Amino acid sequence: MKRRIHRQRGVAVITALLLTTLAITIVASLFWQQQVQVRSIENQRLQLQKQWILRGALDWARLILGEDKRIGNRYGDIDHLGEPWAVPLAETRLDQYVEKDRAGDVPDAALSGGITDAQARYNLRNLCSNGVINDQEVARFGKLLTLLGINPALSRATAVLMQSTQPKTPSPGGAPAAKADSAPLPMELLHVDDLLAVPGFTPELLEKVRNYVVVLPSDVTKINVNTAPAEVIAAKVDTLSLAEASSLVAARQSRPFQSLNDLPLSAGLNRDGLDVKTSYFFVNGNVRLNRAGMEMQALIKRDQARQTVLWIREY
């Protein structure tokens, strides 16, 4: 009888220990799930705060570009690298501009970025328009690739890919397109990163060409000779050497070109692809908030009346 009682007490102790272990496991799991949910909510809050900071910076950039267009500068209605919009924003701590009683809401926040001229780069849409390849532009892009140490044959390959993404122009007689033309088109090149879809373009080559090309909505755009690098200027002007383009870049530092007539170019050189004004700008922003960071790039089209945001990319 006593042995049975001791046995029952032992079973009760073991059962109590198992129940206690199970209860501790359940409570620990609940605490872990709660911690995960709290961290997820914090990350979502930081994400929203970063997005609002970058959107505020974007609105500020639009204001700067609008005032620049409205007021102009001492050289007239031109765009050059000596204007306020071209001055980059160094990393600035945002918590210095927050009220002390609310400083805890935006701890360790910093913003940096700047505005760059999108028409300082070669527009890849110049290669092909309405399904028709522009051989002259293919040669110009090929010249740019050569100056960058890249195989110029990739210029034709890029144009062919762009042609495949565009609907073909109807025949002069107005005949309907062939039935095969109604098939779905490949994905259109919208950003520079899409060059990786071109056979032969590698990530290494993409990094070489990234700061020299752009994909703008307009099929044909000119480059701003007051902001473009020497390689792009040399590629855009037929028979212009890189040394001559570098001399143009050096000449504009003391005084930007107010018109194409100010360019010290030979009379026979084609200037049709050049301009001294810009309609498209990139706005780049980088915000750091606590342990998290976010980068943003937006493309803005500026005209006389307004500044339109065409797209926004967040990283």
C-alpha atoms as a PDB file:
ATOM      1  CA  MET A   1       0.000   0.000   0.000  1.00  0.00           C
ATOM      2  CA  LYS A   2       2.781   2.436   0.942  1.00  0.00           C
ATOM      3  CA  ARG A   3       4.678   1.507  -2.212  1.00  0.00           C
ATOM      4  CA  ARG A   4       1.598   2.338  -4.280  1.00  0.00           C
ATOM      5  CA  ILE A   5       1.258   5.744  -2.550  1.00  0.00           C
ATOM      6  CA  HIS A   6       4.928   6.559  -3.208  1.00  0.00           C
ATOM      7  CA  ARG A   7       4.473   5.515  -6.821  1.00  0.00           C
ATOM      8  CA  GLN A   8       1.421   7.791  -7.203  1.00  0.00           C
ATOM      9  CA  ARG A   9       3.325  10.700  -5.619  1.00  0.00           C
ATOM     10  CA  GLY A  10       6.194  10.145  -8.071  1.00  0.00           C
ATOM     11  CA  VAL A  11       3.799  10.187 -11.001  1.00  0.00           C
ATOM     12  CA  ALA A  12       2.198  13.369  -9.687  1.00  0.00           C
ATOM     13  CA  VAL A  13       5.601  15.085  -9.363  1.00  0.00           C
ATOM     14  CA  ILE A  14       6.591  14.092 -12.893  1.00  0.00           C
ATOM     15  CA  THR A  15       3.217  15.249 -14.228  1.00  0.00           C
ATOM     16  CA  ALA A  16       3.609  18.574 -12.424  1.00  0.00           C
ATOM     17  CA  LEU A  17       7.091  19.037 -13.893  1.00  0.00           C
ATOM     18  CA  LEU A  18       5.835  18.243 -17.397  1.00  0.00           C
ATOM     19  CA  LEU A  19       2.954  20.691 -17.035  1.00  0.00           C
ATOM     20  CA  THR A  20       5.319  23.361 -15.727  1.00  0.00           C
ATOM     21  CA  THR A  21       7.704  22.804 -18.637  1.00  0.00           C
ATOM     22  CA  LEU A  22       4.812  22.953 -21.088  1.00  0.00           C
ATOM     23  CA  ALA A  23       3.519  26.175 -19.536  1.00  0.00           C
ATOM     24  CA  ILE A  24       6.966  27.781 -19.659  1.00  0.00           C
ATOM     25  CA  THR A  25       7.338  26.747 -23.298  1.00  0.00           C
ATOM     26  CA  ILE A  26       3.970  28.234 -24.213  1.00  0.00           C
ATOM     27  CA  VAL A  27       4.696  31.499 -22.375  1.00  0.00           C
ATOM     28  CA  ALA A  28       8.146  31.771 -23.992  1.00  0.00           C
ATOM     29  CA  SER A  29       6.603  31.168 -27.419  1.00  0.00           C
ATOM     30  CA  LEU A  30       4.016  33.878 -26.772  1.00  0.00           C
ATOM     31  CA  PHE A  31       6.722  36.326 -25.683  1.00  0.00           C
ATOM     32  CA  TRP A  32       8.774  35.485 -28.782  1.00  0.00           C
ATOM     33  CA  GLN A  33       5.792  36.027 -31.084  1.00  0.00           C
ATOM     34  CA  GLN A  34       5.042  39.306 -29.342  1.00  0.00           C
ATOM     35  CA  GLN A  35       8.646  40.429 -29.780  1.00  0.00           C
ATOM     36  CA  VAL A  36       8.521  39.544 -33.481  1.00  0.00           C
ATOM     37  CA  GLN A  37       5.284  41.507 -33.898  1.00  0.00           C
ATOM     38  CA  VAL A  38       6.717  44.509 -32.054  1.00  0.00           C
ATOM     39  CA  ARG A  39       9.858  44.459 -34.216  1.00  0.00           C
ATOM     40  CA  SER A  40       7.712  44.135 -37.347  1.00  0.00           C
ATOM     41  CA  ILE A  41       5.632  47.149 -36.304  1.00  0.00           C
ATOM     42  CA  GLU A  42       8.809  49.130 -35.598  1.00  0.00           C
ATOM     43  CA  ASN A  43      10.194  48.258 -39.023  1.00  0.00           C
ATOM     44  CA  GLN A  44       6.947  49.313 -40.697  1.00  0.00           C
ATOM     45  CA  ARG A  45       6.992  52.590 -38.769  1.00  0.00           C
ATOM     46  CA  LEU A  46      10.613  53.247 -39.775  1.00  0.00           C
ATOM     47  CA  GLN A  47       9.770  52.389 -43.376  1.00  0.00           C
ATOM     48  CA  LEU A  48       6.909  54.895 -43.442  1.00  0.00           C
ATOM     49  CA  GLN A  49       9.037  57.565 -41.766  1.00  0.00           C
ATOM     50  CA  LYS A  50      11.802  57.079 -44.346  1.00  0.00           C
ATOM     51  CA  GLN A  51       9.305  57.285 -47.194  1.00  0.00           C
ATOM     52  CA  TRP A  52       7.775  60.495 -45.857  1.00  0.00           C
ATOM     53  CA  ILE A  53      11.217  62.066 -45.386  1.00  0.00           C
ATOM     54  CA  LEU A  54      12.201  61.216 -48.965  1.00  0.00           C
ATOM     55  CA  ARG A  55       8.871  62.448 -50.345  1.00  0.00           C
ATOM     56  CA  GLY A  56       9.415  65.707 -48.477  1.00  0.00           C
ATOM     57  CA  ALA A  57      12.882  65.987 -50.014  1.00  0.00           C
ATOM     58  CA  LEU A  58      11.336  65.336 -53.427  1.00  0.00           C
ATOM     59  CA  ASP A  59       8.830  68.162 -52.942  1.00  0.00           C
ATOM     60  CA  TRP A  60      11.689  70.455 -51.937  1.00  0.00           C
ATOM     61  CA  ALA A  61      13.599  69.511 -55.089  1.00  0.00           C
ATOM     62  CA  ARG A  62      10.546  70.276 -57.218  1.00  0.00           C
ATOM     63  CA  LEU A  63      10.318  73.682 -55.561  1.00  0.00           C
ATOM     64  CA  ILE A  64      13.980  74.418 -56.316  1.00  0.00           C
ATOM     65  CA  LEU A  65      13.584  73.416 -59.960  1.00  0.00           C
ATOM     66  CA  GLY A  66      10.407  75.460 -60.285  1.00  0.00           C
ATOM     67  CA  GLU A  67      12.025  78.581 -58.866  1.00  0.00           C
ATOM     68  CA  ASP A  68      15.047  78.080 -61.102  1.00  0.00           C
ATOM     69  CA  LYS A  69      12.774  77.988 -64.142  1.00  0.00           C
ATOM     70  CA  ARG A  70      10.737  80.984 -63.008  1.00  0.00           C
ATOM     71  CA  ILE A  71      13.596  83.254 -62.008  1.00  0.00           C
ATOM     72  CA  GLY A  72      16.322  82.046 -64.370  1.00  0.00           C
ATOM     73  CA  ASN A  73      19.911  83.129 -63.779  1.00  0.00           C
ATOM     74  CA  ARG A  74      22.325  85.856 -64.769  1.00  0.00           C
ATOM     75  CA  TYR A  75      23.207  83.959 -67.931  1.00  0.00           C
ATOM     76  CA  GLY A  76      19.615  83.776 -69.117  1.00  0.00           C
ATOM     77  CA  ASP A  77      17.258  80.829 -69.522  1.00  0.00           C
ATOM     78  CA  ILE A  78      19.913  78.113 -69.511  1.00  0.00           C
ATOM     79  CA  ASP A  79      20.859  75.278 -67.157  1.00  0.00           C
ATOM     80  CA  HIS A  80      24.408  74.742 -65.944  1.00  0.00           C
ATOM     81  CA  LEU A  81      26.318  73.241 -63.036  1.00  0.00           C
ATOM     82  CA  GLY A  82      26.776  76.585 -61.282  1.00  0.00           C
ATOM     83  CA  GLU A  83      23.100  76.881 -60.330  1.00  0.00           C
ATOM     84  CA  PRO A  84      21.666  76.139 -56.857  1.00  0.00           C
ATOM     85  CA  TRP A  85      19.920  72.952 -58.017  1.00  0.00           C
ATOM     86  CA  ALA A  86      23.308  71.428 -58.915  1.00  0.00           C
ATOM     87  CA  VAL A  87      24.698  71.791 -55.361  1.00  0.00           C
ATOM     88  CA  PRO A  88      24.475  68.390 -53.611  1.00  0.00           C
ATOM     89  CA  LEU A  89      23.059  68.066 -50.108  1.00  0.00           C
ATOM     90  CA  ALA A  90      25.662  66.711 -47.702  1.00  0.00           C
ATOM     91  CA  GLU A  91      24.474  64.357 -44.988  1.00  0.00           C
ATOM     92  CA  THR A  92      22.321  66.471 -42.686  1.00  0.00           C
ATOM     93  CA  ARG A  93      21.012  65.296 -39.326  1.00  0.00           C
ATOM     94  CA  LEU A  94      17.258  65.785 -39.238  1.00  0.00           C
ATOM     95  CA  ASP A  95      16.914  65.449 -35.468  1.00  0.00           C
ATOM     96  CA  GLN A  96      18.519  68.901 -35.169  1.00  0.00           C
ATOM     97  CA  TYR A  97      15.385  70.364 -36.744  1.00  0.00           C
ATOM     98  CA  VAL A  98      12.881  68.544 -34.510  1.00  0.00           C
ATOM     99  CA  GLU A  99      11.396  70.055 -31.362  1.00  0.00           C
ATOM    100  CA  LYS A 100      13.086  68.854 -28.204  1.00  0.00           C
ATOM    101  CA  ASP A 101       9.899  67.373 -26.745  1.00  0.00           C
ATOM    102  CA  ARG A 102       9.478  65.318 -29.923  1.00  0.00           C
ATOM    103  CA  ALA A 103      13.105  64.464 -30.559  1.00  0.00           C
ATOM    104  CA  GLY A 104      12.480  60.887 -29.519  1.00  0.00           C
ATOM    105  CA  ASP A 105      10.195  60.404 -32.532  1.00  0.00           C
ATOM    106  CA  VAL A 106      13.022  60.909 -35.050  1.00  0.00           C
ATOM    107  CA  PRO A 107      16.255  59.671 -33.445  1.00  0.00           C
ATOM    108  CA  ASP A 108      19.515  59.566 -35.360  1.00  0.00           C
ATOM    109  CA  ALA A 109      17.993  60.595 -38.694  1.00  0.00           C
ATOM    110  CA  ALA A 110      20.094  61.927 -41.576  1.00  0.00           C
ATOM    111  CA  LEU A 111      19.324  62.922 -45.160  1.00  0.00           C
ATOM    112  CA  SER A 112      21.616  63.398 -48.154  1.00  0.00           C
ATOM    113  CA  GLY A 113      21.209  63.572 -51.911  1.00  0.00           C
ATOM    114  CA  GLY A 114      21.055  65.977 -54.812  1.00  0.00           C
ATOM    115  CA  ILE A 115      19.646  66.878 -58.221  1.00  0.00           C
ATOM    116  CA  THR A 116      21.382  65.853 -61.444  1.00  0.00           C
ATOM    117  CA  ASP A 117      20.702  66.663 -65.069  1.00  0.00           C
ATOM    118  CA  ALA A 118      19.174  63.651 -66.820  1.00  0.00           C
ATOM    119  CA  GLN A 119      19.887  65.242 -70.209  1.00  0.00           C
ATOM    120  CA  ALA A 120      23.592  65.171 -69.437  1.00  0.00           C
ATOM    121  CA  ARG A 121      23.371  61.512 -70.483  1.00  0.00           C
ATOM    122  CA  TYR A 122      22.703  59.772 -73.776  1.00  0.00           C
ATOM    123  CA  ASN A 123      19.032  58.862 -74.175  1.00  0.00           C
ATOM    124  CA  LEU A 124      18.750  55.256 -75.298  1.00  0.00           C
ATOM    125  CA  ARG A 125      15.342  55.947 -76.803  1.00  0.00           C
ATOM    126  CA  ASN A 126      17.123  57.869 -79.555  1.00  0.00           C
ATOM    127  CA  LEU A 127      18.230  54.510 -80.956  1.00  0.00           C
ATOM    128  CA  CYS A 128      14.794  53.448 -82.136  1.00  0.00           C
ATOM    129  CA  SER A 129      11.486  55.268 -82.624  1.00  0.00           C
ATOM    130  CA  ASN A 130       8.182  53.713 -83.729  1.00  0.00           C
ATOM    131  CA  GLY A 131       9.921  50.463 -84.506  1.00  0.00           C
ATOM    132  CA  VAL A 132      12.494  52.092 -86.830  1.00  0.00           C
ATOM    133  CA  ILE A 133      16.196  51.981 -85.900  1.00  0.00           C
ATOM    134  CA  ASN A 134      18.123  55.235 -86.290  1.00  0.00           C
ATOM    135  CA  ASP A 135      21.470  54.206 -87.780  1.00  0.00           C
ATOM    136  CA  GLN A 136      23.068  57.562 -87.002  1.00  0.00           C
ATOM    137  CA  GLU A 137      22.170  57.251 -83.334  1.00  0.00           C
ATOM    138  CA  VAL A 138      23.409  53.652 -83.307  1.00  0.00           C
ATOM    139  CA  ALA A 139      26.778  54.934 -84.519  1.00  0.00           C
ATOM    140  CA  ARG A 140      26.788  57.634 -81.831  1.00  0.00           C
ATOM    141  CA  PHE A 141      26.003  55.205 -79.041  1.00  0.00           C
ATOM    142  CA  GLY A 142      28.643  52.876 -80.435  1.00  0.00           C
ATOM    143  CA  LYS A 143      31.154  55.732 -80.274  1.00  0.00           C
ATOM    144  CA  LEU A 144      30.229  56.320 -76.628  1.00  0.00           C
ATOM    145  CA  LEU A 145      30.738  52.643 -75.846  1.00  0.00           C
ATOM    146  CA  THR A 146      34.127  52.737 -77.569  1.00  0.00           C
ATOM    147  CA  LEU A 147      35.194  55.735 -75.476  1.00  0.00           C
ATOM    148  CA  LEU A 148      34.187  53.796 -72.360  1.00  0.00           C
ATOM    149  CA  GLY A 149      36.161  50.742 -73.401  1.00  0.00           C
ATOM    150  CA  ILE A 150      33.092  48.656 -74.307  1.00  0.00           C
ATOM    151  CA  ASN A 151      32.417  46.668 -77.481  1.00  0.00           C
ATOM    152  CA  PRO A 152      30.541  49.069 -79.825  1.00  0.00           C
ATOM    153  CA  ALA A 153      28.585  46.141 -81.300  1.00  0.00           C
ATOM    154  CA  LEU A 154      26.390  46.322 -78.205  1.00  0.00           C
ATOM    155  CA  SER A 155      24.923  49.522 -79.643  1.00  0.00           C
ATOM    156  CA  ARG A 156      23.266  47.657 -82.512  1.00  0.00           C
ATOM    157  CA  ALA A 157      22.186  44.860 -80.163  1.00  0.00           C
ATOM    158  CA  THR A 158      20.512  47.428 -77.898  1.00  0.00           C
ATOM    159  CA  ALA A 159      18.723  49.041 -80.821  1.00  0.00           C
ATOM    160  CA  VAL A 160      17.477  45.658 -82.056  1.00  0.00           C
ATOM    161  CA  LEU A 161      16.111  44.809 -78.619  1.00  0.00           C
ATOM    162  CA  MET A 162      14.374  48.172 -78.382  1.00  0.00           C
ATOM    163  CA  GLN A 163      12.904  47.649 -81.843  1.00  0.00           C
ATOM    164  CA  SER A 164      11.443  44.322 -80.752  1.00  0.00           C
ATOM    165  CA  THR A 165       9.612  46.049 -77.885  1.00  0.00           C
ATOM    166  CA  GLN A 166       7.965  48.685 -80.079  1.00  0.00           C
ATOM    167  CA  PRO A 167       4.997  48.254 -82.416  1.00  0.00           C
ATOM    168  CA  LYS A 168       5.927  48.493 -86.083  1.00  0.00           C
ATOM    169  CA  THR A 169       4.901  51.542 -88.088  1.00  0.00           C
ATOM    170  CA  PRO A 170       2.055  50.819 -90.566  1.00  0.00           C
ATOM    171  CA  SER A 171       2.999  50.688 -94.241  1.00  0.00           C
ATOM    172  CA  PRO A 172       2.648  53.883 -96.306  1.00  0.00           C
ATOM    173  CA  GLY A 173      -0.493  52.540 -97.975  1.00  0.00           C
ATOM    174  CA  GLY A 174      -2.171  52.154 -94.633  1.00  0.00           C
ATOM    175  CA  ALA A 175      -2.365  48.378 -94.916  1.00  0.00           C
ATOM    176  CA  PRO A 176      -3.098  46.595 -91.640  1.00  0.00           C
ATOM    177  CA  ALA A 177      -0.213  45.004 -89.815  1.00  0.00           C
ATOM    178  CA  ALA A 178       0.452  41.329 -90.254  1.00  0.00           C
ATOM    179  CA  LYS A 179      -1.188  38.897 -87.907  1.00  0.00           C
ATOM    180  CA  ALA A 180       2.156  38.019 -86.347  1.00  0.00           C
ATOM    181  CA  ASP A 181       2.577  41.653 -85.292  1.00  0.00           C
ATOM    182  CA  SER A 182      -0.374  41.283 -82.918  1.00  0.00           C
ATOM    183  CA  ALA A 183       1.636  38.924 -80.714  1.00  0.00           C
ATOM    184  CA  PRO A 184       2.645  40.216 -77.269  1.00  0.00           C
ATOM    185  CA  LEU A 185       5.731  42.419 -77.353  1.00  0.00           C
ATOM    186  CA  PRO A 186       8.782  41.872 -75.122  1.00  0.00           C
ATOM    187  CA  MET A 187       9.199  44.009 -72.044  1.00  0.00           C
ATOM    188  CA  GLU A 188      10.181  47.583 -72.887  1.00  0.00           C
ATOM    189  CA  LEU A 189      13.425  49.122 -71.649  1.00  0.00           C
ATOM    190  CA  LEU A 190      12.387  51.600 -68.974  1.00  0.00           C
ATOM    191  CA  HIS A 191      15.527  51.935 -66.857  1.00  0.00           C
ATOM    192  CA  VAL A 192      19.259  51.641 -67.381  1.00  0.00           C
ATOM    193  CA  ASP A 193      19.291  48.347 -65.447  1.00  0.00           C
ATOM    194  CA  ASP A 194      17.166  46.843 -68.225  1.00  0.00           C
ATOM    195  CA  LEU A 195      20.285  46.833 -70.426  1.00  0.00           C
ATOM    196  CA  LEU A 196      21.080  43.483 -68.830  1.00  0.00           C
ATOM    197  CA  ALA A 197      18.412  42.074 -71.156  1.00  0.00           C
ATOM    198  CA  VAL A 198      20.645  42.963 -74.124  1.00  0.00           C
ATOM    199  CA  PRO A 199      22.760  39.958 -75.161  1.00  0.00           C
ATOM    200  CA  GLY A 200      26.369  40.700 -74.246  1.00  0.00           C
ATOM    201  CA  PHE A 201      25.708  43.249 -71.494  1.00  0.00           C
ATOM    202  CA  THR A 202      27.087  42.085 -68.150  1.00  0.00           C
ATOM    203  CA  PRO A 203      26.766  43.687 -64.703  1.00  0.00           C
ATOM    204  CA  GLU A 204      30.367  44.903 -65.017  1.00  0.00           C
ATOM    205  CA  LEU A 205      29.660  46.630 -68.340  1.00  0.00           C
ATOM    206  CA  LEU A 206      26.448  48.071 -66.955  1.00  0.00           C
ATOM    207  CA  GLU A 207      28.364  49.776 -64.147  1.00  0.00           C
ATOM    208  CA  LYS A 208      30.745  51.301 -66.705  1.00  0.00           C
ATOM    209  CA  VAL A 209      27.945  52.836 -68.745  1.00  0.00           C
ATOM    210  CA  ARG A 210      25.441  53.599 -65.950  1.00  0.00           C
ATOM    211  CA  ASN A 211      26.385  57.257 -65.448  1.00  0.00           C
ATOM    212  CA  TYR A 212      26.476  58.016 -69.176  1.00  0.00           C
ATOM    213  CA  VAL A 213      23.111  56.764 -70.440  1.00  0.00           C
ATOM    214  CA  VAL A 214      19.461  57.248 -69.529  1.00  0.00           C
ATOM    215  CA  VAL A 215      16.029  56.107 -70.686  1.00  0.00           C
ATOM    216  CA  LEU A 216      13.773  59.151 -71.005  1.00  0.00           C
ATOM    217  CA  PRO A 217      10.096  59.042 -72.009  1.00  0.00           C
ATOM    218  CA  SER A 218      10.683  61.171 -75.085  1.00  0.00           C
ATOM    219  CA  ASP A 219      11.944  59.287 -78.147  1.00  0.00           C
ATOM    220  CA  VAL A 220      14.353  62.058 -79.164  1.00  0.00           C
ATOM    221  CA  THR A 221      16.100  64.339 -76.668  1.00  0.00           C
ATOM    222  CA  LYS A 222      19.152  66.553 -76.872  1.00  0.00           C
ATOM    223  CA  ILE A 223      21.990  66.622 -74.380  1.00  0.00           C
ATOM    224  CA  ASN A 224      22.835  69.723 -72.369  1.00  0.00           C
ATOM    225  CA  VAL A 225      26.341  70.722 -73.357  1.00  0.00           C
ATOM    226  CA  ASN A 226      26.610  72.726 -70.099  1.00  0.00           C
ATOM    227  CA  THR A 227      26.261  69.597 -67.934  1.00  0.00           C
ATOM    228  CA  ALA A 228      27.182  66.549 -70.034  1.00  0.00           C
ATOM    229  CA  PRO A 229      30.538  64.787 -69.552  1.00  0.00           C
ATOM    230  CA  ALA A 230      33.109  64.914 -72.332  1.00  0.00           C
ATOM    231  CA  GLU A 231      32.427  61.321 -73.424  1.00  0.00           C
ATOM    232  CA  VAL A 232      28.734  62.019 -74.089  1.00  0.00           C
ATOM    233  CA  ILE A 233      29.484  65.264 -75.938  1.00  0.00           C
ATOM    234  CA  ALA A 234      32.082  63.564 -78.117  1.00  0.00           C
ATOM    235  CA  ALA A 235      29.653  60.753 -78.919  1.00  0.00           C
ATOM    236  CA  LYS A 236      26.792  63.085 -79.770  1.00  0.00           C
ATOM    237  CA  VAL A 237      28.769  65.358 -82.105  1.00  0.00           C
ATOM    238  CA  ASP A 238      29.983  63.603 -85.232  1.00  0.00           C
ATOM    239  CA  THR A 239      33.777  63.646 -85.819  1.00  0.00           C
ATOM    240  CA  LEU A 240      34.368  65.405 -82.480  1.00  0.00           C
ATOM    241  CA  SER A 241      37.275  63.876 -80.577  1.00  0.00           C
ATOM    242  CA  LEU A 242      37.361  63.256 -76.847  1.00  0.00           C
ATOM    243  CA  ALA A 243      40.138  65.842 -76.456  1.00  0.00           C
ATOM    244  CA  GLU A 244      38.018  68.505 -78.174  1.00  0.00           C
ATOM    245  CA  ALA A 245      35.024  67.595 -76.015  1.00  0.00           C
ATOM    246  CA  SER A 246      37.196  67.862 -72.898  1.00  0.00           C
ATOM    247  CA  SER A 247      38.191  71.370 -73.964  1.00  0.00           C
ATOM    248  CA  LEU A 248      34.478  72.270 -74.123  1.00  0.00           C
ATOM    249  CA  VAL A 249      33.981  70.957 -70.603  1.00  0.00           C
ATOM    250  CA  ALA A 250      36.940  73.038 -69.404  1.00  0.00           C
ATOM    251  CA  ALA A 251      35.676  76.170 -71.198  1.00  0.00           C
ATOM    252  CA  ARG A 252      32.203  76.032 -69.620  1.00  0.00           C
ATOM    253  CA  GLN A 253      33.625  76.038 -66.083  1.00  0.00           C
ATOM    254  CA  SER A 254      34.501  79.715 -66.308  1.00  0.00           C
ATOM    255  CA  ARG A 255      31.382  80.702 -68.209  1.00  0.00           C
ATOM    256  CA  PRO A 256      28.537  78.392 -69.289  1.00  0.00           C
ATOM    257  CA  PHE A 257      27.435  78.432 -72.896  1.00  0.00           C
ATOM    258  CA  GLN A 258      24.430  80.717 -73.375  1.00  0.00           C
ATOM    259  CA  SER A 259      23.627  79.353 -76.830  1.00  0.00           C
ATOM    260  CA  LEU A 260      24.968  76.843 -79.307  1.00  0.00           C
ATOM    261  CA  ASN A 261      26.606  79.723 -81.170  1.00  0.00           C
ATOM    262  CA  ASP A 262      29.004  80.090 -78.226  1.00  0.00           C
ATOM    263  CA  LEU A 263      30.448  76.623 -78.800  1.00  0.00           C
ATOM    264  CA  PRO A 264      33.980  76.795 -80.206  1.00  0.00           C
ATOM    265  CA  LEU A 265      33.233  74.101 -82.771  1.00  0.00           C
ATOM    266  CA  SER A 266      34.099  73.917 -86.436  1.00  0.00           C
ATOM    267  CA  ALA A 267      31.398  75.126 -88.760  1.00  0.00           C
ATOM    268  CA  GLY A 268      30.973  71.712 -90.344  1.00  0.00           C
ATOM    269  CA  LEU A 269      30.208  69.858 -87.102  1.00  0.00           C
ATOM    270  CA  ASN A 270      26.617  68.801 -86.461  1.00  0.00           C
ATOM    271  CA  ARG A 271      25.125  70.527 -83.401  1.00  0.00           C
ATOM    272  CA  ASP A 272      21.563  69.267 -83.788  1.00  0.00           C
ATOM    273  CA  GLY A 273      21.871  66.909 -80.819  1.00  0.00           C
ATOM    274  CA  LEU A 274      23.039  69.620 -78.401  1.00  0.00           C
ATOM    275  CA  ASP A 275      21.218  72.150 -76.241  1.00  0.00           C
ATOM    276  CA  VAL A 276      21.907  74.518 -73.346  1.00  0.00           C
ATOM    277  CA  LYS A 277      18.655  73.845 -71.476  1.00  0.00           C
ATOM    278  CA  THR A 278      17.204  70.843 -69.677  1.00  0.00           C
ATOM    279  CA  SER A 279      13.708  69.462 -69.185  1.00  0.00           C
ATOM    280  CA  TYR A 280      14.469  66.211 -67.316  1.00  0.00           C
ATOM    281  CA  PHE A 281      16.158  65.922 -63.929  1.00  0.00           C
ATOM    282  CA  PHE A 282      17.034  63.125 -61.521  1.00  0.00           C
ATOM    283  CA  VAL A 283      16.392  63.619 -57.803  1.00  0.00           C
ATOM    284  CA  ASN A 284      18.491  61.293 -55.640  1.00  0.00           C
ATOM    285  CA  GLY A 285      17.895  60.922 -51.918  1.00  0.00           C
ATOM    286  CA  ASN A 286      19.386  58.798 -49.157  1.00  0.00           C
ATOM    287  CA  VAL A 287      17.852  58.722 -45.696  1.00  0.00           C
ATOM    288  CA  ARG A 288      19.317  56.976 -42.663  1.00  0.00           C
ATOM    289  CA  LEU A 289      16.978  56.383 -39.746  1.00  0.00           C
ATOM    290  CA  ASN A 290      18.359  54.486 -36.754  1.00  0.00           C
ATOM    291  CA  ARG A 291      19.550  51.105 -38.013  1.00  0.00           C
ATOM    292  CA  ALA A 292      17.688  51.317 -41.324  1.00  0.00           C
ATOM    293  CA  GLY A 293      18.395  53.184 -44.542  1.00  0.00           C
ATOM    294  CA  MET A 294      16.645  53.826 -47.830  1.00  0.00           C
ATOM    295  CA  GLU A 295      17.642  55.303 -51.179  1.00  0.00           C
ATOM    296  CA  MET A 296      15.313  56.935 -53.664  1.00  0.00           C
ATOM    297  CA  GLN A 297      15.640  58.117 -57.246  1.00  0.00           C
ATOM    298  CA  ALA A 298      12.939  60.065 -59.063  1.00  0.00           C
ATOM    299  CA  LEU A 299      12.701  61.418 -62.595  1.00  0.00           C
ATOM    300  CA  ILE A 300      11.139  64.865 -62.948  1.00  0.00           C
ATOM    301  CA  LYS A 301      10.031  66.583 -66.124  1.00  0.00           C
ATOM    302  CA  ARG A 302      10.105  70.360 -65.833  1.00  0.00           C
ATOM    303  CA  ASP A 303       8.236  72.686 -68.130  1.00  0.00           C
ATOM    304  CA  GLN A 304       7.218  76.304 -67.872  1.00  0.00           C
ATOM    305  CA  ALA A 305       4.173  75.634 -65.717  1.00  0.00           C
ATOM    306  CA  ARG A 306       4.955  72.679 -63.451  1.00  0.00           C
ATOM    307  CA  GLN A 307       7.328  69.907 -62.416  1.00  0.00           C
ATOM    308  CA  THR A 308       5.910  66.443 -63.004  1.00  0.00           C
ATOM    309  CA  VAL A 309       7.234  63.347 -61.253  1.00  0.00           C
ATOM    310  CA  LEU A 310       7.385  60.637 -63.931  1.00  0.00           C
ATOM    311  CA  TRP A 311       8.537  57.763 -61.723  1.00  0.00           C
ATOM    312  CA  ILE A 312       9.999  56.996 -58.300  1.00  0.00           C
ATOM    313  CA  ARG A 313      12.252  54.079 -57.411  1.00  0.00           C
ATOM    314  CA  GLU A 314      13.065  53.111 -53.824  1.00  0.00           C
ATOM    315  CA  TYR A 315      15.888  50.781 -52.794  1.00  0.00           C
END
